[in-house]
Amino acid sequence: MKTMIETLQQLKKEGFTENLMVRSGNLMNSSRTLLPEDHLELVETHRIESDSDPMHQSILYAIRCKNPDMKGVLINSYGSYSDKETNQFVEKNFE
């Protein structure tokens, strides 16, 4: 199983260079550019678990936006520590 760092490094090599976040129900990059929901594609999902502590679980989403053209990653905790707004965004747009 890969660590978070290893997974992020691999995705960066594949062009997923933007750090994404959900704010006010919208996905945006670190420059706060709004990414339109109808232009988003979920490319990969990675669940990361720590060997030393099962409480340290994360889920990483590799997302491509067609317009503006960019690739990035959205990271959330997994389970009871997850961010509700991020969960709602992912459920609405990718499930």
Protein backbone atom coordinates (compact mmCIF):
# COMPACT_ATOMS: atom_id res chain seq x y z
CA MET A 1 0.00 0.00 0.00
CA LYS A 2 1.32 3.44 -0.92
CA THR A 3 1.60 6.30 1.52
CA MET A 4 -0.07 9.67 0.97
CA ILE A 5 3.27 11.19 -0.09
CA GLU A 6 3.98 8.40 -2.59
CA THR A 7 0.49 8.68 -4.06
CA LEU A 8 0.74 12.48 -4.37
CA GLN A 9 4.17 12.22 -6.01
CA GLN A 10 2.87 9.72 -8.57
CA LEU A 11 -0.18 11.85 -9.37
CA LYS A 12 2.01 14.95 -9.71
CA LYS A 13 4.06 13.08 -12.35
CA GLU A 14 0.76 12.44 -14.16
CA GLY A 15 -0.04 16.17 -14.18
CA PHE A 16 -2.28 16.45 -11.11
CA THR A 17 -0.56 19.54 -9.77
CA GLU A 18 -3.36 21.69 -8.35
CA ASN A 19 -4.43 21.52 -4.71
CA LEU A 20 -8.23 21.56 -4.74
CA MET A 21 -10.69 22.52 -2.01
CA VAL A 22 -14.43 22.77 -1.52
CA ARG A 23 -15.70 26.13 -0.30
CA SER A 24 -19.36 27.18 -0.13
CA GLY A 25 -20.31 24.07 -2.09
CA ASN A 26 -17.93 24.82 -4.96
CA LEU A 27 -14.66 23.24 -6.06
CA MET A 28 -11.77 25.64 -6.51
CA ASN A 29 -8.02 25.53 -6.88
CA SER A 30 -5.49 27.19 -4.58
CA SER A 31 -5.82 30.43 -6.57
CA ARG A 32 -9.55 30.33 -5.72
CA THR A 33 -10.53 29.81 -9.36
CA LEU A 34 -14.00 28.28 -9.43
CA LEU A 35 -14.15 25.00 -11.34
CA PRO A 36 -17.52 24.43 -13.04
CA GLU A 37 -19.20 21.20 -11.95
CA ASP A 38 -20.24 20.25 -15.49
CA HIS A 39 -16.57 20.28 -16.58
CA LEU A 40 -15.26 17.96 -13.85
CA GLU A 41 -14.22 14.33 -14.17
CA LEU A 42 -13.20 12.05 -11.32
CA VAL A 43 -10.16 10.20 -12.67
CA GLU A 44 -8.97 8.20 -9.65
CA THR A 45 -9.77 7.63 -6.00
CA HIS A 46 -7.20 6.48 -3.45
CA ARG A 47 -7.94 5.44 0.13
CA ILE A 48 -4.85 5.90 2.30
CA GLU A 49 -4.53 4.19 5.69
CA SER A 50 -1.72 4.59 8.19
CA ASP A 51 -0.08 1.35 9.30
CA SER A 52 0.56 2.77 12.75
CA ASP A 53 -2.85 4.26 13.51
CA PRO A 54 -6.14 3.21 11.92
CA MET A 55 -7.60 6.60 12.89
CA HIS A 56 -5.35 8.22 10.27
CA GLN A 57 -7.32 7.47 7.14
CA SER A 58 -7.68 9.74 4.15
CA ILE A 59 -9.28 9.64 0.75
CA LEU A 60 -7.67 11.34 -2.18
CA TYR A 61 -9.55 12.27 -5.36
CA ALA A 62 -7.68 12.91 -8.62
CA ILE A 63 -9.89 15.33 -10.57
CA ARG A 64 -9.64 16.71 -14.08
CA CYS A 65 -11.39 19.90 -15.15
CA LYS A 66 -11.95 20.37 -18.88
CA ASN A 67 -12.51 24.13 -18.77
CA PRO A 68 -10.33 25.61 -17.44
CA ASP A 69 -8.00 22.77 -18.40
CA MET A 70 -6.29 21.53 -15.24
CA LYS A 71 -5.76 18.49 -13.03
CA GLY A 72 -5.66 18.47 -9.27
CA VAL A 73 -6.18 16.55 -6.07
CA LEU A 74 -8.83 16.89 -3.40
CA ILE A 75 -8.02 15.29 -0.05
CA ASN A 76 -10.45 14.48 2.75
CA SER A 77 -10.32 12.48 5.95
CA TYR A 78 -12.15 9.20 5.86
CA GLY A 79 -14.99 8.20 8.15
CA SER A 80 -16.15 10.23 11.13
CA TYR A 81 -13.38 12.84 10.73
CA SER A 82 -14.27 13.72 7.14
CA ASP A 83 -15.30 17.19 6.07
CA LYS A 84 -19.07 17.15 5.46
CA GLU A 85 -18.98 19.83 2.78
CA THR A 86 -16.37 17.89 0.79
CA ASN A 87 -18.38 14.66 1.20
CA GLN A 88 -21.52 16.37 -0.09
CA PHE A 89 -19.69 17.79 -3.09
CA VAL A 90 -18.21 14.41 -4.03
CA GLU A 91 -21.54 12.62 -3.60
CA LYS A 92 -23.36 15.21 -5.68
CA ASN A 93 -20.87 15.27 -8.54
CA PHE A 94 -19.20 11.89 -8.72
CA GLU A 95 -21.51 9.22 -7.32
